Amino acid sequence: MADDTAEHFVYIVRCSDGSLYTGYTTDVARRVAEHNAGTGAKYTRGRRPVQLVYQEAHATVSDAMQREYAIKQWRRQKKERLLA
């Protein structure tokens, strides 16, 4: 079971091809390093290196995962407005 007292993060990285990947983690720096090492998400493995362009903290895993899902439903244009 997840520890809901820890901080939970939604993050967005920009891949080397310019695409955006949105994810959830409890440690943003570690997760970005995993993406760049090729051990992160399958989507980012062939699109390295990635660069962190956005992160936001949430108090609970549930809040963070709901926000991640919501952002993943957005069109690219809306994501780019969030990043601006």
N, C-alpha and C. Protein backbone atom coordinates (compact mmCIF):
# COMPACT_ATOMS: atom_id res chain seq x y z
N MET A 1 0.84 -1.19 0.00
CA MET A 1 0.00 0.00 0.00
C MET A 1 0.88 1.25 0.00
N ALA A 2 0.49 2.26 -0.76
CA ALA A 2 1.27 3.48 -0.88
C ALA A 2 1.19 4.30 0.40
N ASP A 3 2.26 5.03 0.68
CA ASP A 3 2.31 5.90 1.84
C ASP A 3 1.75 7.26 1.45
N ASP A 4 0.53 7.56 1.89
CA ASP A 4 -0.14 8.80 1.50
C ASP A 4 0.38 10.02 2.25
N THR A 5 1.34 9.86 3.17
CA THR A 5 1.91 11.01 3.85
C THR A 5 3.08 11.58 3.06
N ALA A 6 3.62 10.83 2.14
CA ALA A 6 4.73 11.29 1.31
C ALA A 6 4.20 12.21 0.21
N GLU A 7 5.09 13.00 -0.37
CA GLU A 7 4.69 13.81 -1.50
C GLU A 7 4.66 12.96 -2.75
N HIS A 8 3.71 13.25 -3.57
CA HIS A 8 3.53 12.54 -4.83
C HIS A 8 3.54 13.59 -5.94
N PHE A 9 4.15 13.24 -7.05
CA PHE A 9 4.35 14.22 -8.11
C PHE A 9 3.82 13.74 -9.45
N VAL A 10 3.28 14.70 -10.20
CA VAL A 10 2.98 14.52 -11.61
C VAL A 10 4.06 15.31 -12.33
N TYR A 11 4.64 14.73 -13.36
CA TYR A 11 5.72 15.41 -14.08
C TYR A 11 5.52 15.25 -15.58
N ILE A 12 6.13 16.16 -16.31
CA ILE A 12 6.13 16.08 -17.77
C ILE A 12 7.57 16.24 -18.23
N VAL A 13 7.99 15.34 -19.11
CA VAL A 13 9.31 15.47 -19.73
C VAL A 13 9.12 15.68 -21.23
N ARG A 14 10.04 16.44 -21.80
CA ARG A 14 10.07 16.61 -23.25
C ARG A 14 11.13 15.66 -23.79
N CYS A 15 10.72 14.82 -24.71
CA CYS A 15 11.62 13.83 -25.30
C CYS A 15 12.46 14.48 -26.40
N SER A 16 13.50 13.78 -26.83
CA SER A 16 14.40 14.31 -27.84
C SER A 16 13.70 14.57 -29.17
N ASP A 17 12.59 13.90 -29.44
CA ASP A 17 11.83 14.14 -30.67
C ASP A 17 10.80 15.25 -30.51
N GLY A 18 10.78 15.90 -29.34
CA GLY A 18 9.86 17.00 -29.09
C GLY A 18 8.54 16.57 -28.48
N SER A 19 8.29 15.28 -28.39
CA SER A 19 7.03 14.80 -27.80
C SER A 19 7.08 14.97 -26.29
N LEU A 20 5.90 14.92 -25.67
CA LEU A 20 5.77 15.08 -24.23
C LEU A 20 5.32 13.77 -23.61
N TYR A 21 5.89 13.46 -22.44
CA TYR A 21 5.49 12.27 -21.69
C TYR A 21 5.10 12.73 -20.29
N THR A 22 3.94 12.31 -19.83
CA THR A 22 3.44 12.66 -18.50
C THR A 22 3.48 11.42 -17.62
N GLY A 23 3.95 11.58 -16.39
CA GLY A 23 4.02 10.44 -15.48
C GLY A 23 3.79 10.84 -14.04
N TYR A 24 3.81 9.84 -13.17
CA TYR A 24 3.63 9.99 -11.73
C TYR A 24 4.84 9.37 -11.03
N THR A 25 5.28 9.98 -9.94
CA THR A 25 6.38 9.42 -9.16
C THR A 25 6.39 10.02 -7.76
N THR A 26 7.19 9.44 -6.88
CA THR A 26 7.43 10.03 -5.57
C THR A 26 8.81 10.70 -5.53
N ASP A 27 9.61 10.52 -6.58
CA ASP A 27 10.95 11.10 -6.65
C ASP A 27 11.23 11.50 -8.10
N VAL A 28 11.03 12.77 -8.40
CA VAL A 28 11.12 13.24 -9.78
C VAL A 28 12.53 13.07 -10.34
N ALA A 29 13.55 13.46 -9.60
CA ALA A 29 14.93 13.36 -10.10
C ALA A 29 15.29 11.92 -10.44
N ARG A 30 14.93 10.99 -9.57
CA ARG A 30 15.22 9.57 -9.82
C ARG A 30 14.50 9.10 -11.08
N ARG A 31 13.24 9.50 -11.21
CA ARG A 31 12.44 9.02 -12.35
C ARG A 31 12.97 9.57 -13.67
N VAL A 32 13.36 10.84 -13.70
CA VAL A 32 13.93 11.40 -14.93
C VAL A 32 15.24 10.68 -15.27
N ALA A 33 16.05 10.39 -14.26
CA ALA A 33 17.29 9.64 -14.48
C ALA A 33 16.99 8.26 -15.04
N GLU A 34 15.94 7.61 -14.55
CA GLU A 34 15.55 6.30 -15.09
C GLU A 34 15.15 6.41 -16.56
N HIS A 35 14.39 7.43 -16.90
CA HIS A 35 14.01 7.63 -18.30
C HIS A 35 15.27 7.79 -19.16
N ASN A 36 16.22 8.59 -18.69
CA ASN A 36 17.43 8.84 -19.47
C ASN A 36 18.37 7.65 -19.52
N ALA A 37 18.25 6.75 -18.55
CA ALA A 37 19.06 5.53 -18.54
C ALA A 37 18.43 4.42 -19.38
N GLY A 38 17.21 4.65 -19.86
CA GLY A 38 16.53 3.64 -20.66
C GLY A 38 15.76 2.63 -19.84
N THR A 39 15.64 2.87 -18.54
CA THR A 39 14.91 1.94 -17.67
C THR A 39 13.56 2.50 -17.24
N GLY A 40 13.19 3.66 -17.80
CA GLY A 40 11.90 4.26 -17.50
C GLY A 40 10.83 3.65 -18.38
N ALA A 41 9.86 4.44 -18.73
CA ALA A 41 8.74 3.98 -19.55
C ALA A 41 9.20 3.55 -20.93
N LYS A 42 8.52 2.57 -21.48
CA LYS A 42 8.83 2.09 -22.82
C LYS A 42 8.78 3.23 -23.84
N TYR A 43 7.81 4.14 -23.66
CA TYR A 43 7.65 5.25 -24.60
C TYR A 43 8.91 6.10 -24.71
N THR A 44 9.59 6.33 -23.59
CA THR A 44 10.75 7.24 -23.60
C THR A 44 12.05 6.55 -23.98
N ARG A 45 12.09 5.23 -24.01
CA ARG A 45 13.36 4.52 -24.28
C ARG A 45 13.98 4.90 -25.60
N GLY A 46 13.19 5.02 -26.64
CA GLY A 46 13.72 5.38 -27.94
C GLY A 46 13.70 6.86 -28.23
N ARG A 47 13.39 7.65 -27.21
CA ARG A 47 13.26 9.10 -27.39
C ARG A 47 14.16 9.85 -26.41
N ARG A 48 15.28 9.26 -26.08
CA ARG A 48 16.21 9.87 -25.13
C ARG A 48 17.16 10.81 -25.84
N PRO A 49 17.69 11.80 -25.11
CA PRO A 49 17.43 12.09 -23.69
C PRO A 49 16.11 12.84 -23.52
N VAL A 50 15.60 12.76 -22.29
CA VAL A 50 14.41 13.52 -21.94
C VAL A 50 14.82 14.66 -21.02
N GLN A 51 14.00 15.71 -21.00
CA GLN A 51 14.28 16.85 -20.14
C GLN A 51 13.02 17.18 -19.35
N LEU A 52 13.17 17.31 -18.05
CA LEU A 52 12.04 17.67 -17.19
C LEU A 52 11.59 19.09 -17.53
N VAL A 53 10.29 19.25 -17.84
CA VAL A 53 9.77 20.57 -18.17
C VAL A 53 8.66 21.01 -17.23
N TYR A 54 8.14 20.11 -16.39
CA TYR A 54 7.05 20.47 -15.50
C TYR A 54 6.93 19.45 -14.38
N GLN A 55 6.57 19.93 -13.19
CA GLN A 55 6.22 19.02 -12.09
C GLN A 55 5.28 19.74 -11.15
N GLU A 56 4.42 18.98 -10.50
CA GLU A 56 3.54 19.53 -9.48
C GLU A 56 3.37 18.49 -8.38
N ALA A 57 3.33 18.98 -7.14
CA ALA A 57 3.23 18.09 -5.98
C ALA A 57 1.78 17.92 -5.56
N HIS A 58 1.49 16.73 -5.04
CA HIS A 58 0.17 16.42 -4.50
C HIS A 58 0.36 15.71 -3.17
N ALA A 59 -0.60 15.89 -2.27
CA ALA A 59 -0.51 15.30 -0.94
C ALA A 59 -0.78 13.81 -0.93
N THR A 60 -1.60 13.33 -1.88
CA THR A 60 -1.95 11.91 -1.88
C THR A 60 -1.66 11.28 -3.24
N VAL A 61 -1.44 9.99 -3.22
CA VAL A 61 -1.22 9.26 -4.45
C VAL A 61 -2.47 9.34 -5.34
N SER A 62 -3.62 9.30 -4.73
CA SER A 62 -4.87 9.36 -5.48
C SER A 62 -5.00 10.68 -6.23
N ASP A 63 -4.72 11.79 -5.56
CA ASP A 63 -4.78 13.10 -6.22
C ASP A 63 -3.80 13.18 -7.39
N ALA A 64 -2.59 12.70 -7.15
CA ALA A 64 -1.56 12.77 -8.20
C ALA A 64 -1.94 11.90 -9.40
N MET A 65 -2.43 10.72 -9.16
CA MET A 65 -2.76 9.83 -10.27
C MET A 65 -3.99 10.33 -11.04
N GLN A 66 -4.93 10.95 -10.34
CA GLN A 66 -6.08 11.54 -11.03
C GLN A 66 -5.63 12.69 -11.92
N ARG A 67 -4.72 13.51 -11.41
CA ARG A 67 -4.19 14.63 -12.21
C ARG A 67 -3.40 14.11 -13.40
N GLU A 68 -2.57 13.09 -13.19
CA GLU A 68 -1.81 12.50 -14.29
C GLU A 68 -2.76 12.02 -15.39
N TYR A 69 -3.81 11.32 -15.01
CA TYR A 69 -4.78 10.82 -15.98
C TYR A 69 -5.42 11.97 -16.74
N ALA A 70 -5.80 13.02 -16.01
CA ALA A 70 -6.45 14.17 -16.65
C ALA A 70 -5.52 14.81 -17.67
N ILE A 71 -4.26 15.03 -17.31
CA ILE A 71 -3.31 15.66 -18.23
C ILE A 71 -3.09 14.78 -19.45
N LYS A 72 -3.03 13.47 -19.25
CA LYS A 72 -2.81 12.56 -20.38
C LYS A 72 -3.98 12.60 -21.38
N GLN A 73 -5.14 13.04 -20.94
CA GLN A 73 -6.29 13.14 -21.84
C GLN A 73 -6.26 14.41 -22.68
N TRP A 74 -5.45 15.37 -22.29
CA TRP A 74 -5.39 16.66 -22.99
C TRP A 74 -4.71 16.53 -24.35
N ARG A 75 -5.08 17.42 -25.24
CA ARG A 75 -4.36 17.56 -26.51
C ARG A 75 -3.04 18.28 -26.23
N ARG A 76 -2.11 18.12 -27.15
CA ARG A 76 -0.78 18.71 -26.98
C ARG A 76 -0.85 20.23 -26.74
N GLN A 77 -1.71 20.92 -27.46
CA GLN A 77 -1.81 22.37 -27.34
C GLN A 77 -2.11 22.78 -25.90
N LYS A 78 -3.00 22.08 -25.24
CA LYS A 78 -3.34 22.39 -23.85
C LYS A 78 -2.16 22.10 -22.93
N LYS A 79 -1.44 21.01 -23.19
CA LYS A 79 -0.25 20.70 -22.40
C LYS A 79 0.79 21.79 -22.55
N GLU A 80 0.99 22.28 -23.77
CA GLU A 80 1.97 23.33 -24.02
C GLU A 80 1.59 24.62 -23.28
N ARG A 81 0.29 24.90 -23.18
CA ARG A 81 -0.15 26.08 -22.41
C ARG A 81 0.17 25.91 -20.93
N LEU A 82 0.04 24.71 -20.41
CA LEU A 82 0.41 24.44 -19.02
C LEU A 82 1.90 24.69 -18.81
N LEU A 83 2.70 24.33 -19.77
CA LEU A 83 4.16 24.49 -19.65
C LEU A 83 4.62 25.93 -19.79
N ALA A 84 3.81 26.76 -20.46
CA ALA A 84 4.21 28.15 -20.73
C ALA A 84 4.18 29.01 -19.47
